[in-house]
């Protein structure tokens, strides 16, 4: 089983800000035209993905984590550590912040905190997102929130397709209308909503805010965390490492001909964002196309990606002893 890539069937989540772009861009069958999230590689109980191929077909990723730890190199964690999503922001998302591991463990029934990152797949011309705030102290932050001075408080930055943003826990953030992103994050579903533009949901009510917890966890003043990126070029591929830290490594693979990998460190999570090609192992060849999501178990050793493709590839960081 360790020599078979696990192709996964996404789980779709309807959201007040969602749309139909996941169908238009990737050909997915969506539950509605207000589908905001594709949980592409997930073992989280709120949206576990299912294996589509091989001897483990029909098993959820969570079941494999529990019953086949050898597929993950006996990774030392009580849960699958990462979650890959594609988000369609057809409207502005609520302004929010996530807790770190310690806070979530204490106040969210043992849930992980959430540090995440975004790769901008596409966005409308002139698009932007909320990334950080302008308050200098906790008291100033509290006052601006209580007085509804959101335009003054929130820090907005322009974005373009191909941009990458690292969003550590404690960072105020929000995707804005007209943005399609791939998100790599810790496997957590804990979000503290600060501001929701006074929107009314399908039940005629405003959505719940979590101002007290948000104030607890927001980093003040805002820290603009920038990751050291590196690029490896060959005749057949360009590999960009966006981030490599205590949570995850995230790379973009731009394959023009082929790229051969010796996988010895950990299991890999991969999403095909554009193009088509093949994944070749010592035992078999698998077709890759836009919208595919798969996991390469540990140790997969040597494999080759061939064709003209763009992938986002991630792996969890091995916990320090």
C-alpha atoms as a PDB file:
ATOM      1  CA  UNK A   1       0.000   0.000   0.000  1.00  0.00           C
ATOM      2  CA  UNK A   2       2.912   2.370   0.585  1.00  0.00           C
ATOM      3  CA  UNK A   3       3.631   2.286  -3.153  1.00  0.00           C
ATOM      4  CA  UNK A   4       0.155   3.461  -4.230  1.00  0.00           C
ATOM      5  CA  UNK A   5      -0.692   7.175  -4.381  1.00  0.00           C
ATOM      6  CA  UNK A   6      -4.010   7.907  -2.678  1.00  0.00           C
ATOM      7  CA  UNK A   7      -6.303  10.029  -4.865  1.00  0.00           C
ATOM      8  CA  UNK A   8      -8.940  11.739  -2.735  1.00  0.00           C
ATOM      9  CA  UNK A   9     -12.541  12.806  -3.359  1.00  0.00           C
ATOM     10  CA  UNK A  10     -13.067  16.382  -2.091  1.00  0.00           C
ATOM     11  CA  UNK A  11     -15.766  17.428   0.364  1.00  0.00           C
ATOM     12  CA  UNK A  12     -17.617  20.655  -0.468  1.00  0.00           C
ATOM     13  CA  UNK A  13     -18.817  23.194   2.090  1.00  0.00           C
ATOM     14  CA  UNK A  14     -21.540  25.733   1.386  1.00  0.00           C
ATOM     15  CA  UNK A  15     -20.840  29.236   2.660  1.00  0.00           C
ATOM     16  CA  UNK A  16     -22.725  32.545   2.678  1.00  0.00           C
ATOM     17  CA  UNK A  17     -19.880  34.038   0.626  1.00  0.00           C
ATOM     18  CA  UNK A  18     -19.456  31.089  -1.773  1.00  0.00           C
ATOM     19  CA  UNK A  19     -20.199  30.780  -5.477  1.00  0.00           C
ATOM     20  CA  UNK A  20     -19.930  28.384  -8.426  1.00  0.00           C
ATOM     21  CA  UNK A  21     -16.355  29.023  -9.471  1.00  0.00           C
ATOM     22  CA  UNK A  22     -15.087  25.681  -8.189  1.00  0.00           C
ATOM     23  CA  UNK A  23     -17.257  24.038 -10.855  1.00  0.00           C
ATOM     24  CA  UNK A  24     -16.221  26.513 -13.543  1.00  0.00           C
ATOM     25  CA  UNK A  25     -12.502  26.239 -12.819  1.00  0.00           C
ATOM     26  CA  UNK A  26     -12.137  22.579 -11.878  1.00  0.00           C
ATOM     27  CA  UNK A  27     -15.242  20.821 -13.169  1.00  0.00           C
ATOM     28  CA  UNK A  28     -16.406  19.756  -9.705  1.00  0.00           C
ATOM     29  CA  UNK A  29     -20.031  18.820  -9.087  1.00  0.00           C
ATOM     30  CA  UNK A  30     -21.125  21.228  -6.374  1.00  0.00           C
ATOM     31  CA  UNK A  31     -24.017  21.011  -3.915  1.00  0.00           C
ATOM     32  CA  UNK A  32     -25.105  24.565  -4.783  1.00  0.00           C
ATOM     33  CA  UNK A  33     -23.999  27.852  -6.320  1.00  0.00           C
ATOM     34  CA  UNK A  34     -23.014  29.048  -2.851  1.00  0.00           C
ATOM     35  CA  UNK A  35     -20.168  26.577  -2.417  1.00  0.00           C
ATOM     36  CA  UNK A  36     -17.287  28.344  -0.763  1.00  0.00           C
ATOM     37  CA  UNK A  37     -14.833  25.603   0.171  1.00  0.00           C
ATOM     38  CA  UNK A  38     -13.398  22.468  -1.353  1.00  0.00           C
ATOM     39  CA  UNK A  39     -11.835  20.413   1.444  1.00  0.00           C
ATOM     40  CA  UNK A  40      -9.419  18.643  -0.837  1.00  0.00           C
ATOM     41  CA  UNK A  41      -7.163  16.663   1.519  1.00  0.00           C
ATOM     42  CA  UNK A  42      -8.707  16.353   4.956  1.00  0.00           C
ATOM     43  CA  UNK A  43      -8.974  14.013   7.907  1.00  0.00           C
ATOM     44  CA  UNK A  44     -10.824  16.577  10.019  1.00  0.00           C
ATOM     45  CA  UNK A  45     -14.146  15.204  11.341  1.00  0.00           C
ATOM     46  CA  UNK A  46     -16.013  18.199   9.877  1.00  0.00           C
ATOM     47  CA  UNK A  47     -15.082  17.119   6.348  1.00  0.00           C
ATOM     48  CA  UNK A  48     -13.069  13.910   5.875  1.00  0.00           C
ATOM     49  CA  UNK A  49     -12.010  13.095   2.311  1.00  0.00           C
ATOM     50  CA  UNK A  50     -12.268   9.572   0.866  1.00  0.00           C
ATOM     51  CA  UNK A  51      -9.804   7.497  -1.144  1.00  0.00           C
ATOM     52  CA  UNK A  52     -10.913   6.967  -4.770  1.00  0.00           C
ATOM     53  CA  UNK A  53      -8.459   4.298  -5.930  1.00  0.00           C
ATOM     54  CA  UNK A  54      -6.535   1.154  -5.050  1.00  0.00           C
ATOM     55  CA  UNK A  55      -6.966  -1.367  -2.234  1.00  0.00           C
ATOM     56  CA  UNK A  56      -8.003   1.380   0.226  1.00  0.00           C
ATOM     57  CA  UNK A  57     -10.786   2.778  -1.977  1.00  0.00           C
ATOM     58  CA  UNK A  58     -13.731   3.993   0.104  1.00  0.00           C
ATOM     59  CA  UNK A  59     -11.702   4.575   3.256  1.00  0.00           C
ATOM     60  CA  UNK A  60     -11.550   8.057   4.720  1.00  0.00           C
ATOM     61  CA  UNK A  61      -8.218   9.704   5.349  1.00  0.00           C
ATOM     62  CA  UNK A  62      -9.069   9.709   9.051  1.00  0.00           C
ATOM     63  CA  UNK A  63      -9.594   5.943   9.016  1.00  0.00           C
ATOM     64  CA  UNK A  64      -6.222   5.448   7.365  1.00  0.00           C
ATOM     65  CA  UNK A  65      -4.557   7.696   9.923  1.00  0.00           C
ATOM     66  CA  UNK A  66      -6.042   5.604  12.724  1.00  0.00           C
ATOM     67  CA  UNK A  67      -5.599   2.100  11.310  1.00  0.00           C
ATOM     68  CA  UNK A  68      -2.620   2.384   8.960  1.00  0.00           C
ATOM     69  CA  UNK A  69      -0.034   4.623  10.661  1.00  0.00           C
ATOM     70  CA  UNK A  70       2.681   2.993   8.546  1.00  0.00           C
ATOM     71  CA  UNK A  71       1.373   4.957   5.541  1.00  0.00           C
ATOM     72  CA  UNK A  72       2.440   8.138   7.324  1.00  0.00           C
ATOM     73  CA  UNK A  73       5.763   6.938   8.706  1.00  0.00           C
ATOM     74  CA  UNK A  74       4.197   6.641  12.177  1.00  0.00           C
ATOM     75  CA  UNK A  75       4.101  10.430  12.279  1.00  0.00           C
ATOM     76  CA  UNK A  76       4.082  11.473  15.968  1.00  0.00           C
ATOM     77  CA  UNK A  77       0.721  13.248  16.252  1.00  0.00           C
ATOM     78  CA  UNK A  78      -2.671  12.288  17.658  1.00  0.00           C
ATOM     79  CA  UNK A  79      -4.328  13.501  14.439  1.00  0.00           C
ATOM     80  CA  UNK A  80      -3.600  14.075  10.766  1.00  0.00           C
ATOM     81  CA  UNK A  81      -1.722  17.381  10.921  1.00  0.00           C
ATOM     82  CA  UNK A  82      -2.695  19.277   7.747  1.00  0.00           C
ATOM     83  CA  UNK A  83      -5.725  20.314   5.735  1.00  0.00           C
ATOM     84  CA  UNK A  84      -5.721  21.451   2.094  1.00  0.00           C
ATOM     85  CA  UNK A  85      -8.597  23.588   0.804  1.00  0.00           C
ATOM     86  CA  UNK A  86      -9.568  25.576  -2.260  1.00  0.00           C
ATOM     87  CA  UNK A  87     -11.699  28.622  -1.420  1.00  0.00           C
ATOM     88  CA  UNK A  88     -13.980  30.552  -3.768  1.00  0.00           C
ATOM     89  CA  UNK A  89     -14.561  34.006  -2.308  1.00  0.00           C
ATOM     90  CA  UNK A  90     -17.543  35.056  -4.409  1.00  0.00           C
ATOM     91  CA  UNK A  91     -18.163  37.680  -1.722  1.00  0.00           C
ATOM     92  CA  UNK A  92     -16.019  39.086   1.102  1.00  0.00           C
ATOM     93  CA  UNK A  93     -15.256  36.618   3.875  1.00  0.00           C
ATOM     94  CA  UNK A  94     -15.745  37.728   7.455  1.00  0.00           C
ATOM     95  CA  UNK A  95     -12.770  39.370   9.130  1.00  0.00           C
ATOM     96  CA  UNK A  96     -11.346  36.745  11.465  1.00  0.00           C
ATOM     97  CA  UNK A  97      -8.415  35.470  13.480  1.00  0.00           C
ATOM     98  CA  UNK A  98      -7.279  32.002  14.582  1.00  0.00           C
ATOM     99  CA  UNK A  99      -5.823  30.893  17.930  1.00  0.00           C
ATOM    100  CA  UNK A 100      -2.506  29.133  18.440  1.00  0.00           C
ATOM    101  CA  UNK A 101      -2.207  25.538  19.657  1.00  0.00           C
ATOM    102  CA  UNK A 102      -2.060  26.381  23.355  1.00  0.00           C
ATOM    103  CA  UNK A 103      -5.145  28.595  23.319  1.00  0.00           C
ATOM    104  CA  UNK A 104      -7.178  26.181  21.179  1.00  0.00           C
ATOM    105  CA  UNK A 105      -6.183  23.230  23.330  1.00  0.00           C
ATOM    106  CA  UNK A 106      -7.454  25.052  26.417  1.00  0.00           C
ATOM    107  CA  UNK A 107     -10.594  26.732  25.091  1.00  0.00           C
ATOM    108  CA  UNK A 108     -11.647  24.646  22.057  1.00  0.00           C
ATOM    109  CA  UNK A 109     -11.837  21.107  23.447  1.00  0.00           C
ATOM    110  CA  UNK A 110      -8.338  20.091  22.417  1.00  0.00           C
ATOM    111  CA  UNK A 111      -8.597  21.373  18.836  1.00  0.00           C
ATOM    112  CA  UNK A 112      -5.396  22.432  17.097  1.00  0.00           C
ATOM    113  CA  UNK A 113      -4.677  26.079  16.538  1.00  0.00           C
ATOM    114  CA  UNK A 114      -4.631  27.305  12.992  1.00  0.00           C
ATOM    115  CA  UNK A 115      -1.646  28.673  11.165  1.00  0.00           C
ATOM    116  CA  UNK A 116      -2.319  28.722   7.441  1.00  0.00           C
ATOM    117  CA  UNK A 117      -1.086  30.068   4.120  1.00  0.00           C
ATOM    118  CA  UNK A 118      -2.651  31.092   0.821  1.00  0.00           C
ATOM    119  CA  UNK A 119      -1.605  30.664  -2.786  1.00  0.00           C
ATOM    120  CA  UNK A 120      -3.633  33.028  -4.997  1.00  0.00           C
ATOM    121  CA  UNK A 121      -4.872  30.893  -7.903  1.00  0.00           C
ATOM    122  CA  UNK A 122      -6.854  33.689  -9.504  1.00  0.00           C
ATOM    123  CA  UNK A 123      -8.428  37.023  -8.620  1.00  0.00           C
ATOM    124  CA  UNK A 124     -10.193  39.884 -10.297  1.00  0.00           C
ATOM    125  CA  UNK A 125      -8.250  42.940 -11.410  1.00  0.00           C
ATOM    126  CA  UNK A 126      -7.618  45.284  -8.503  1.00  0.00           C
ATOM    127  CA  UNK A 127      -8.380  42.591  -5.907  1.00  0.00           C
ATOM    128  CA  UNK A 128      -7.137  42.868  -2.348  1.00  0.00           C
ATOM    129  CA  UNK A 129      -7.344  41.061   0.956  1.00  0.00           C
ATOM    130  CA  UNK A 130      -7.315  41.934   4.637  1.00  0.00           C
ATOM    131  CA  UNK A 131      -3.953  41.117   6.186  1.00  0.00           C
ATOM    132  CA  UNK A 132      -3.284  42.598   9.605  1.00  0.00           C
ATOM    133  CA  UNK A 133      -4.426  45.733  11.436  1.00  0.00           C
ATOM    134  CA  UNK A 134      -3.206  49.209  12.406  1.00  0.00           C
ATOM    135  CA  UNK A 135      -3.750  49.168  16.184  1.00  0.00           C
ATOM    136  CA  UNK A 136      -0.630  49.768  18.249  1.00  0.00           C
ATOM    137  CA  UNK A 137      -1.931  48.420  21.584  1.00  0.00           C
ATOM    138  CA  UNK A 138      -4.589  46.008  22.832  1.00  0.00           C
ATOM    139  CA  UNK A 139      -6.554  48.919  24.271  1.00  0.00           C
ATOM    140  CA  UNK A 140      -6.535  50.758  20.943  1.00  0.00           C
ATOM    141  CA  UNK A 141      -7.588  47.537  19.212  1.00  0.00           C
ATOM    142  CA  UNK A 142     -10.462  47.065  21.657  1.00  0.00           C
ATOM    143  CA  UNK A 143     -11.658  50.638  21.215  1.00  0.00           C
ATOM    144  CA  UNK A 144     -11.574  50.498  17.415  1.00  0.00           C
ATOM    145  CA  UNK A 145     -13.477  47.206  17.385  1.00  0.00           C
ATOM    146  CA  UNK A 146     -16.102  48.372  19.873  1.00  0.00           C
ATOM    147  CA  UNK A 147     -16.608  51.634  17.957  1.00  0.00           C
ATOM    148  CA  UNK A 148     -16.848  49.840  14.597  1.00  0.00           C
ATOM    149  CA  UNK A 149     -13.920  51.740  13.059  1.00  0.00           C
ATOM    150  CA  UNK A 150     -13.176  48.885  10.690  1.00  0.00           C
ATOM    151  CA  UNK A 151     -11.985  50.950   7.727  1.00  0.00           C
ATOM    152  CA  UNK A 152      -9.459  52.624   9.986  1.00  0.00           C
ATOM    153  CA  UNK A 153      -8.442  49.403  11.755  1.00  0.00           C
ATOM    154  CA  UNK A 154      -8.048  46.891   8.945  1.00  0.00           C
ATOM    155  CA  UNK A 155      -4.931  46.680   6.806  1.00  0.00           C
ATOM    156  CA  UNK A 156      -5.645  45.827   3.155  1.00  0.00           C
ATOM    157  CA  UNK A 157      -3.075  44.716   0.604  1.00  0.00           C
ATOM    158  CA  UNK A 158      -3.371  44.317  -3.193  1.00  0.00           C
ATOM    159  CA  UNK A 159      -3.028  40.840  -4.662  1.00  0.00           C
ATOM    160  CA  UNK A 160      -2.316  39.195  -8.006  1.00  0.00           C
ATOM    161  CA  UNK A 161      -2.491  35.574  -9.252  1.00  0.00           C
ATOM    162  CA  UNK A 162       0.602  33.696  -8.094  1.00  0.00           C
ATOM    163  CA  UNK A 163       1.026  35.635  -4.834  1.00  0.00           C
ATOM    164  CA  UNK A 164       1.666  33.733  -1.616  1.00  0.00           C
ATOM    165  CA  UNK A 165       0.703  34.824   1.920  1.00  0.00           C
ATOM    166  CA  UNK A 166       1.723  33.219   5.199  1.00  0.00           C
ATOM    167  CA  UNK A 167      -0.970  33.688   7.868  1.00  0.00           C
ATOM    168  CA  UNK A 168       0.233  32.642  11.332  1.00  0.00           C
ATOM    169  CA  UNK A 169      -2.205  32.270  14.220  1.00  0.00           C
ATOM    170  CA  UNK A 170      -3.018  35.666  15.738  1.00  0.00           C
ATOM    171  CA  UNK A 171      -3.124  37.406  12.333  1.00  0.00           C
ATOM    172  CA  UNK A 172      -6.266  39.368  11.447  1.00  0.00           C
ATOM    173  CA  UNK A 173      -7.241  38.363   7.922  1.00  0.00           C
ATOM    174  CA  UNK A 174      -9.969  37.961   5.313  1.00  0.00           C
ATOM    175  CA  UNK A 175     -10.204  37.037   1.675  1.00  0.00           C
ATOM    176  CA  UNK A 176     -12.151  39.550  -0.374  1.00  0.00           C
ATOM    177  CA  UNK A 177     -14.634  39.177  -3.215  1.00  0.00           C
ATOM    178  CA  UNK A 178     -13.362  37.796  -6.503  1.00  0.00           C
ATOM    179  CA  UNK A 179     -10.543  35.648  -5.120  1.00  0.00           C
ATOM    180  CA  UNK A 180      -9.768  31.943  -5.633  1.00  0.00           C
ATOM    181  CA  UNK A 181      -7.064  30.491  -3.370  1.00  0.00           C
ATOM    182  CA  UNK A 182      -5.481  27.229  -2.337  1.00  0.00           C
ATOM    183  CA  UNK A 183      -5.058  27.138   1.425  1.00  0.00           C
ATOM    184  CA  UNK A 184      -2.671  24.904   3.348  1.00  0.00           C
ATOM    185  CA  UNK A 185      -3.332  24.922   7.089  1.00  0.00           C
ATOM    186  CA  UNK A 186      -3.130  23.035  10.319  1.00  0.00           C
ATOM    187  CA  UNK A 187      -5.997  20.576  10.604  1.00  0.00           C
ATOM    188  CA  UNK A 188      -8.345  22.832  12.549  1.00  0.00           C
ATOM    189  CA  UNK A 189     -11.791  24.330  12.060  1.00  0.00           C
ATOM    190  CA  UNK A 190     -11.546  26.992  14.763  1.00  0.00           C
ATOM    191  CA  UNK A 191     -12.203  30.566  13.629  1.00  0.00           C
ATOM    192  CA  UNK A 192     -12.978  33.689  15.652  1.00  0.00           C
ATOM    193  CA  UNK A 193     -15.153  36.026  13.602  1.00  0.00           C
ATOM    194  CA  UNK A 194     -14.570  39.727  14.315  1.00  0.00           C
ATOM    195  CA  UNK A 195     -16.621  41.512  11.687  1.00  0.00           C
ATOM    196  CA  UNK A 196     -19.112  40.252   9.110  1.00  0.00           C
ATOM    197  CA  UNK A 197     -20.241  43.427   7.326  1.00  0.00           C
ATOM    198  CA  UNK A 198     -23.588  43.172   9.178  1.00  0.00           C
ATOM    199  CA  UNK A 199     -24.698  40.460   6.765  1.00  0.00           C
ATOM    200  CA  UNK A 200     -27.917  38.509   7.237  1.00  0.00           C
ATOM    201  CA  UNK A 201     -27.807  34.729   6.782  1.00  0.00           C
ATOM    202  CA  UNK A 202     -30.456  32.451   5.256  1.00  0.00           C
ATOM    203  CA  UNK A 203     -32.288  32.442   8.607  1.00  0.00           C
ATOM    204  CA  UNK A 204     -32.596  36.217   8.647  1.00  0.00           C
ATOM    205  CA  UNK A 205     -30.017  36.667  11.412  1.00  0.00           C
ATOM    206  CA  UNK A 206     -26.550  38.096  11.701  1.00  0.00           C
ATOM    207  CA  UNK A 207     -23.830  35.482  12.140  1.00  0.00           C
ATOM    208  CA  UNK A 208     -22.238  35.067  15.557  1.00  0.00           C
ATOM    209  CA  UNK A 209     -19.160  37.103  16.386  1.00  0.00           C
ATOM    210  CA  UNK A 210     -16.409  36.018  18.794  1.00  0.00           C
ATOM    211  CA  UNK A 211     -14.979  39.348  19.907  1.00  0.00           C
ATOM    212  CA  UNK A 212     -13.711  38.358  23.360  1.00  0.00           C
ATOM    213  CA  UNK A 213     -11.740  35.376  22.089  1.00  0.00           C
ATOM    214  CA  UNK A 214     -10.495  37.367  19.115  1.00  0.00           C
ATOM    215  CA  UNK A 215      -9.133  40.040  21.432  1.00  0.00           C
ATOM    216  CA  UNK A 216      -7.409  37.331  23.447  1.00  0.00           C
ATOM    217  CA  UNK A 217      -5.461  35.942  20.505  1.00  0.00           C
ATOM    218  CA  UNK A 218      -4.787  38.833  18.075  1.00  0.00           C
ATOM    219  CA  UNK A 219      -1.117  39.731  17.754  1.00  0.00           C
ATOM    220  CA  UNK A 220      -0.646  43.407  18.674  1.00  0.00           C
ATOM    221  CA  UNK A 221       0.961  45.205  16.985  1.00  0.00           C
ATOM    222  CA  UNK A 222       0.559  43.291  13.735  1.00  0.00           C
ATOM    223  CA  UNK A 223       3.631  41.374  12.593  1.00  0.00           C
ATOM    224  CA  UNK A 224       4.086  41.160   8.837  1.00  0.00           C
ATOM    225  CA  UNK A 225       5.688  37.713   8.617  1.00  0.00           C
ATOM    226  CA  UNK A 226       7.609  37.120   5.405  1.00  0.00           C
ATOM    227  CA  UNK A 227       8.984  33.715   4.474  1.00  0.00           C
ATOM    228  CA  UNK A 228      12.324  33.138   2.801  1.00  0.00           C
ATOM    229  CA  UNK A 229      11.429  31.709  -0.618  1.00  0.00           C
ATOM    230  CA  UNK A 230      13.788  29.694  -2.780  1.00  0.00           C
ATOM    231  CA  UNK A 231      13.642  28.458  -6.372  1.00  0.00           C
ATOM    232  CA  UNK A 232      15.189  25.340  -7.907  1.00  0.00           C
ATOM    233  CA  UNK A 233      15.297  25.174 -11.712  1.00  0.00           C
ATOM    234  CA  UNK A 234      15.993  22.219 -13.968  1.00  0.00           C
ATOM    235  CA  UNK A 235      15.482  21.579 -17.668  1.00  0.00           C
ATOM    236  CA  UNK A 236      12.060  20.143 -16.920  1.00  0.00           C
ATOM    237  CA  UNK A 237      10.698  21.975 -13.882  1.00  0.00           C
ATOM    238  CA  UNK A 238      10.808  24.993 -11.584  1.00  0.00           C
ATOM    239  CA  UNK A 239      10.240  24.307  -7.890  1.00  0.00           C
ATOM    240  CA  UNK A 240       9.434  27.235  -5.596  1.00  0.00           C
ATOM    241  CA  UNK A 241       9.557  26.693  -1.837  1.00  0.00           C
ATOM    242  CA  UNK A 242       7.217  29.237  -0.252  1.00  0.00           C
ATOM    243  CA  UNK A 243       7.568  28.250   3.389  1.00  0.00           C
ATOM    244  CA  UNK A 244       9.455  25.633   5.399  1.00  0.00           C
ATOM    245  CA  UNK A 245       8.830  25.933   9.136  1.00  0.00           C
ATOM    246  CA  UNK A 246       7.604  24.162  12.271  1.00  0.00           C
ATOM    247  CA  UNK A 247       4.135  23.558  10.781  1.00  0.00           C
ATOM    248  CA  UNK A 248       4.603  22.658   7.127  1.00  0.00           C
ATOM    249  CA  UNK A 249       6.579  22.934   3.943  1.00  0.00           C
ATOM    250  CA  UNK A 250       4.669  24.317   0.948  1.00  0.00           C
ATOM    251  CA  UNK A 251       5.992  24.337  -2.616  1.00  0.00           C
ATOM    252  CA  UNK A 252       4.773  25.153  -6.123  1.00  0.00           C
ATOM    253  CA  UNK A 253       5.858  22.680  -8.788  1.00  0.00           C
ATOM    254  CA  UNK A 254       5.807  24.110 -12.314  1.00  0.00           C
ATOM    255  CA  UNK A 255       6.402  21.070 -14.498  1.00  0.00           C
ATOM    256  CA  UNK A 256       7.315  21.737 -18.133  1.00  0.00           C
ATOM    257  CA  UNK A 257       8.681  18.289 -18.987  1.00  0.00           C
ATOM    258  CA  UNK A 258       9.315  16.162 -15.904  1.00  0.00           C
ATOM    259  CA  UNK A 259      10.521  16.243 -12.319  1.00  0.00           C
ATOM    260  CA  UNK A 260      11.873  13.216 -10.462  1.00  0.00           C
ATOM    261  CA  UNK A 261      11.677  13.165  -6.670  1.00  0.00           C
ATOM    262  CA  UNK A 262      13.365  11.025  -4.039  1.00  0.00           C
ATOM    263  CA  UNK A 263      10.791  11.138  -1.250  1.00  0.00           C
ATOM    264  CA  UNK A 264      12.553  10.250   1.972  1.00  0.00           C
ATOM    265  CA  UNK A 265      11.433  12.842   4.535  1.00  0.00           C
ATOM    266  CA  UNK A 266       7.676  12.535   4.988  1.00  0.00           C
ATOM    267  CA  UNK A 267       4.389  11.909   3.222  1.00  0.00           C
ATOM    268  CA  UNK A 268       3.348  14.494   0.618  1.00  0.00           C
ATOM    269  CA  UNK A 269       0.032  16.212  -0.166  1.00  0.00           C
ATOM    270  CA  UNK A 270      -0.436  17.428  -3.739  1.00  0.00           C
ATOM    271  CA  UNK A 271      -3.077  19.403  -5.647  1.00  0.00           C
ATOM    272  CA  UNK A 272      -3.060  19.885  -9.426  1.00  0.00           C
ATOM    273  CA  UNK A 273      -4.059  23.481 -10.177  1.00  0.00           C
ATOM    274  CA  UNK A 274      -3.432  23.518 -13.932  1.00  0.00           C
ATOM    275  CA  UNK A 275      -2.490  21.291 -16.839  1.00  0.00           C
ATOM    276  CA  UNK A 276      -2.322  17.537 -17.261  1.00  0.00           C
ATOM    277  CA  UNK A 277       0.283  14.817 -17.208  1.00  0.00           C
ATOM    278  CA  UNK A 278       1.350  11.660 -15.432  1.00  0.00           C
ATOM    279  CA  UNK A 279       2.630  10.440 -12.105  1.00  0.00           C
ATOM    280  CA  UNK A 280       5.044   7.581 -12.720  1.00  0.00           C
ATOM    281  CA  UNK A 281       6.170   5.204 -10.001  1.00  0.00           C
ATOM    282  CA  UNK A 282       8.282   2.061 -10.183  1.00  0.00           C
ATOM    283  CA  UNK A 283       5.080   0.018 -10.349  1.00  0.00           C
ATOM    284  CA  UNK A 284       2.471   2.000 -12.290  1.00  0.00           C
ATOM    285  CA  UNK A 285       1.580   5.214 -14.144  1.00  0.00           C
ATOM    286  CA  UNK A 286      -1.309   7.441 -13.038  1.00  0.00           C
ATOM    287  CA  UNK A 287      -3.031  10.185 -15.051  1.00  0.00           C
ATOM    288  CA  UNK A 288      -2.959  13.665 -13.485  1.00  0.00           C
ATOM    289  CA  UNK A 289      -5.347  16.436 -14.425  1.00  0.00           C
ATOM    290  CA  UNK A 290      -6.479  19.786 -13.131  1.00  0.00           C
ATOM    291  CA  UNK A 291      -8.507  19.431  -9.929  1.00  0.00           C
ATOM    292  CA  UNK A 292      -6.863  16.195  -8.755  1.00  0.00           C
ATOM    293  CA  UNK A 293      -5.735  15.900  -5.149  1.00  0.00           C
ATOM    294  CA  UNK A 294      -3.584  13.056  -3.899  1.00  0.00           C
ATOM    295  CA  UNK A 295      -1.360  11.908  -1.061  1.00  0.00           C
ATOM    296  CA  UNK A 296       1.918  10.050  -1.490  1.00  0.00           C
ATOM    297  CA  UNK A 297       2.440   7.756   1.514  1.00  0.00           C
ATOM    298  CA  UNK A 298       5.749   7.325   3.319  1.00  0.00           C
ATOM    299  CA  UNK A 299       8.175   6.113   2.106  1.00  0.00           C
ATOM    300  CA  UNK A 300       7.254   6.513  -1.544  1.00  0.00           C
ATOM    301  CA  UNK A 301      10.911   6.773  -2.506  1.00  0.00           C
ATOM    302  CA  UNK A 302      11.328   7.601  -6.191  1.00  0.00           C
ATOM    303  CA  UNK A 303       8.618   8.975  -8.501  1.00  0.00           C
ATOM    304  CA  UNK A 304       8.376  11.232 -11.561  1.00  0.00           C
ATOM    305  CA  UNK A 305       5.803  13.851 -12.501  1.00  0.00           C
ATOM    306  CA  UNK A 306       5.687  14.276 -16.268  1.00  0.00           C
ATOM    307  CA  UNK A 307       3.755  16.671 -18.491  1.00  0.00           C
ATOM    308  CA  UNK A 308       2.841  20.338 -18.328  1.00  0.00           C
ATOM    309  CA  UNK A 309       1.349  20.948 -14.895  1.00  0.00           C
ATOM    310  CA  UNK A 310       1.206  23.260 -11.919  1.00  0.00           C
ATOM    311  CA  UNK A 311       0.917  21.672  -8.484  1.00  0.00           C
ATOM    312  CA  UNK A 312       0.943  22.891  -4.898  1.00  0.00           C
ATOM    313  CA  UNK A 313       2.728  20.292  -2.760  1.00  0.00           C
ATOM    314  CA  UNK A 314       2.968  20.280   1.028  1.00  0.00           C
ATOM    315  CA  UNK A 315       4.232  18.096   3.847  1.00  0.00           C
ATOM    316  CA  UNK A 316       3.981  18.390   7.639  1.00  0.00           C
ATOM    317  CA  UNK A 317       6.981  19.279   9.744  1.00  0.00           C
ATOM    318  CA  UNK A 318       8.218  16.461  11.953  1.00  0.00           C
ATOM    319  CA  UNK A 319       7.698  17.571  15.578  1.00  0.00           C
ATOM    320  CA  UNK A 320      10.843  18.459  17.476  1.00  0.00           C
ATOM    321  CA  UNK A 321      11.701  16.043  20.247  1.00  0.00           C
END
